[in-house]
């Protein structure tokens, strides 16, 4: 499992959700996004399980449970402050809202 969340993105989550140092935020696959009815990244305060993949940034533990590894493996979450925009990217998929593996016939 490979996952990256930048310090800028982590700091914004921490600020907007009012997270304190040592708290945990679960990242999960959300189905039924705006407009297309596709997939998106959901977030919620929660505690990791023993098999969760964990990354600590800005004193916050960001974690993903095994059921969602398929979507987040290879993903980078960044925040572009100048644009006020979260950037979610994963080179495994052309589109994150309708993820299909690249090079599929």
C-alpha atoms as a PDB file:
ATOM      1  CA  UNK A   1       0.000   0.000   0.000  1.00  0.00           C
ATOM      2  CA  UNK A   2       1.375   3.382  -1.026  1.00  0.00           C
ATOM      3  CA  UNK A   3      -0.452   6.571  -0.039  1.00  0.00           C
ATOM      4  CA  UNK A   4       0.636  10.194   0.349  1.00  0.00           C
ATOM      5  CA  UNK A   5      -1.064  13.128   2.029  1.00  0.00           C
ATOM      6  CA  UNK A   6       0.880  16.379   1.945  1.00  0.00           C
ATOM      7  CA  UNK A   7       1.420  18.575   4.977  1.00  0.00           C
ATOM      8  CA  UNK A   8      -0.707  21.285   3.305  1.00  0.00           C
ATOM      9  CA  UNK A   9      -3.675  18.912   2.887  1.00  0.00           C
ATOM     10  CA  UNK A  10      -3.271  17.514   6.401  1.00  0.00           C
ATOM     11  CA  UNK A  11      -3.154  21.020   7.893  1.00  0.00           C
ATOM     12  CA  UNK A  12      -6.400  21.991   6.151  1.00  0.00           C
ATOM     13  CA  UNK A  13      -8.215  18.849   7.334  1.00  0.00           C
ATOM     14  CA  UNK A  14      -6.907  19.534  10.846  1.00  0.00           C
ATOM     15  CA  UNK A  15      -8.152  23.131  10.735  1.00  0.00           C
ATOM     16  CA  UNK A  16     -11.542  22.521   9.085  1.00  0.00           C
ATOM     17  CA  UNK A  17     -12.514  19.438  11.128  1.00  0.00           C
ATOM     18  CA  UNK A  18     -11.023  20.879  14.340  1.00  0.00           C
ATOM     19  CA  UNK A  19      -8.743  17.907  14.907  1.00  0.00           C
ATOM     20  CA  UNK A  20      -6.383  17.844  17.866  1.00  0.00           C
ATOM     21  CA  UNK A  21      -2.911  16.329  17.896  1.00  0.00           C
ATOM     22  CA  UNK A  22      -3.188  12.548  18.291  1.00  0.00           C
ATOM     23  CA  UNK A  23      -6.680  12.251  16.782  1.00  0.00           C
ATOM     24  CA  UNK A  24      -7.430  10.008  13.806  1.00  0.00           C
ATOM     25  CA  UNK A  25      -9.225  10.646  10.542  1.00  0.00           C
ATOM     26  CA  UNK A  26     -10.502   7.800   8.403  1.00  0.00           C
ATOM     27  CA  UNK A  27     -10.352   8.219   4.624  1.00  0.00           C
ATOM     28  CA  UNK A  28     -12.816   5.999   2.785  1.00  0.00           C
ATOM     29  CA  UNK A  29     -14.408   5.424  -0.598  1.00  0.00           C
ATOM     30  CA  UNK A  30     -17.600   7.439  -0.793  1.00  0.00           C
ATOM     31  CA  UNK A  31     -20.120   6.334  -3.406  1.00  0.00           C
ATOM     32  CA  UNK A  32     -22.586   8.801  -4.918  1.00  0.00           C
ATOM     33  CA  UNK A  33     -20.524  11.916  -5.445  1.00  0.00           C
ATOM     34  CA  UNK A  34     -21.993  15.191  -6.647  1.00  0.00           C
ATOM     35  CA  UNK A  35     -23.333  15.204 -10.202  1.00  0.00           C
ATOM     36  CA  UNK A  36     -22.002  11.984 -11.676  1.00  0.00           C
ATOM     37  CA  UNK A  37     -22.993   9.589  -8.913  1.00  0.00           C
ATOM     38  CA  UNK A  38     -19.442   8.280  -8.922  1.00  0.00           C
ATOM     39  CA  UNK A  39     -16.785   7.717  -6.296  1.00  0.00           C
ATOM     40  CA  UNK A  40     -15.068  10.311  -4.103  1.00  0.00           C
ATOM     41  CA  UNK A  41     -13.019  10.515  -0.916  1.00  0.00           C
ATOM     42  CA  UNK A  42     -14.993  10.568   2.316  1.00  0.00           C
ATOM     43  CA  UNK A  43     -13.568  11.529   5.717  1.00  0.00           C
ATOM     44  CA  UNK A  44     -14.699  10.889   9.273  1.00  0.00           C
ATOM     45  CA  UNK A  45     -13.240  10.887  12.756  1.00  0.00           C
ATOM     46  CA  UNK A  46     -12.662   7.271  13.725  1.00  0.00           C
ATOM     47  CA  UNK A  47     -10.080   4.908  15.213  1.00  0.00           C
ATOM     48  CA  UNK A  48      -7.867   2.680  13.049  1.00  0.00           C
ATOM     49  CA  UNK A  49      -8.128  -1.090  13.203  1.00  0.00           C
ATOM     50  CA  UNK A  50      -5.006  -3.243  13.580  1.00  0.00           C
ATOM     51  CA  UNK A  51      -4.973  -3.846   9.795  1.00  0.00           C
ATOM     52  CA  UNK A  52      -5.482  -0.200   8.774  1.00  0.00           C
ATOM     53  CA  UNK A  53      -2.845   1.573   6.707  1.00  0.00           C
ATOM     54  CA  UNK A  54      -1.739   4.657   8.677  1.00  0.00           C
ATOM     55  CA  UNK A  55       0.098   7.871   7.815  1.00  0.00           C
ATOM     56  CA  UNK A  56       0.798  10.587  10.376  1.00  0.00           C
ATOM     57  CA  UNK A  57       0.935  14.226   9.267  1.00  0.00           C
ATOM     58  CA  UNK A  58       0.593  17.410  11.293  1.00  0.00           C
ATOM     59  CA  UNK A  59       0.085  15.279  14.435  1.00  0.00           C
ATOM     60  CA  UNK A  60      -3.003  13.590  12.951  1.00  0.00           C
ATOM     61  CA  UNK A  61      -3.234   9.899  12.024  1.00  0.00           C
ATOM     62  CA  UNK A  62      -4.847   9.484   8.606  1.00  0.00           C
ATOM     63  CA  UNK A  63      -5.875   5.901   7.983  1.00  0.00           C
ATOM     64  CA  UNK A  64      -7.492   3.639   5.406  1.00  0.00           C
ATOM     65  CA  UNK A  65      -9.153   0.301   6.130  1.00  0.00           C
ATOM     66  CA  UNK A  66      -8.452  -2.789   4.029  1.00  0.00           C
ATOM     67  CA  UNK A  67     -11.752  -2.592   2.123  1.00  0.00           C
ATOM     68  CA  UNK A  68     -10.658   0.718   0.606  1.00  0.00           C
ATOM     69  CA  UNK A  69      -7.020  -0.108  -0.245  1.00  0.00           C
ATOM     70  CA  UNK A  70      -7.958  -0.680  -3.913  1.00  0.00           C
ATOM     71  CA  UNK A  71      -8.949   2.998  -4.335  1.00  0.00           C
ATOM     72  CA  UNK A  72      -6.294   4.706  -2.221  1.00  0.00           C
ATOM     73  CA  UNK A  73      -3.246   2.608  -3.152  1.00  0.00           C
ATOM     74  CA  UNK A  74      -1.003   4.995  -5.120  1.00  0.00           C
ATOM     75  CA  UNK A  75      -3.111   8.082  -4.297  1.00  0.00           C
ATOM     76  CA  UNK A  76      -1.750  11.498  -3.370  1.00  0.00           C
ATOM     77  CA  UNK A  77      -3.894  14.108  -1.643  1.00  0.00           C
ATOM     78  CA  UNK A  78      -2.558  17.648  -1.864  1.00  0.00           C
ATOM     79  CA  UNK A  79      -4.002  21.096  -1.204  1.00  0.00           C
ATOM     80  CA  UNK A  80      -3.332  23.997  -3.554  1.00  0.00           C
ATOM     81  CA  UNK A  81      -3.695  27.011  -1.274  1.00  0.00           C
ATOM     82  CA  UNK A  82      -3.536  29.577  -4.091  1.00  0.00           C
ATOM     83  CA  UNK A  83      -6.524  27.914  -5.774  1.00  0.00           C
ATOM     84  CA  UNK A  84      -8.312  26.795  -2.603  1.00  0.00           C
ATOM     85  CA  UNK A  85      -8.463  23.332  -4.129  1.00  0.00           C
ATOM     86  CA  UNK A  86      -7.834  19.790  -2.937  1.00  0.00           C
ATOM     87  CA  UNK A  87      -6.007  17.754  -5.565  1.00  0.00           C
ATOM     88  CA  UNK A  88      -6.676  14.008  -5.491  1.00  0.00           C
ATOM     89  CA  UNK A  89      -4.568  11.985  -7.913  1.00  0.00           C
ATOM     90  CA  UNK A  90      -3.862   8.328  -8.478  1.00  0.00           C
ATOM     91  CA  UNK A  91      -1.827   7.227 -11.502  1.00  0.00           C
ATOM     92  CA  UNK A  92      -3.644   3.871 -11.486  1.00  0.00           C
ATOM     93  CA  UNK A  93      -6.880   5.501 -12.696  1.00  0.00           C
ATOM     94  CA  UNK A  94      -7.749   7.954 -15.482  1.00  0.00           C
ATOM     95  CA  UNK A  95     -10.699   9.257 -13.460  1.00  0.00           C
ATOM     96  CA  UNK A  96     -11.157   8.945  -9.710  1.00  0.00           C
ATOM     97  CA  UNK A  97     -14.927   9.427  -9.875  1.00  0.00           C
ATOM     98  CA  UNK A  98     -15.284   6.411 -12.217  1.00  0.00           C
ATOM     99  CA  UNK A  99     -12.142   4.384 -11.475  1.00  0.00           C
ATOM    100  CA  UNK A 100     -11.152   1.822 -14.049  1.00  0.00           C
ATOM    101  CA  UNK A 101      -7.599   0.533 -14.168  1.00  0.00           C
ATOM    102  CA  UNK A 102      -5.481   2.125 -16.875  1.00  0.00           C
ATOM    103  CA  UNK A 103      -4.542   0.037 -19.910  1.00  0.00           C
ATOM    104  CA  UNK A 104      -7.781  -1.890 -19.760  1.00  0.00           C
ATOM    105  CA  UNK A 105      -9.097  -3.103 -23.138  1.00  0.00           C
END
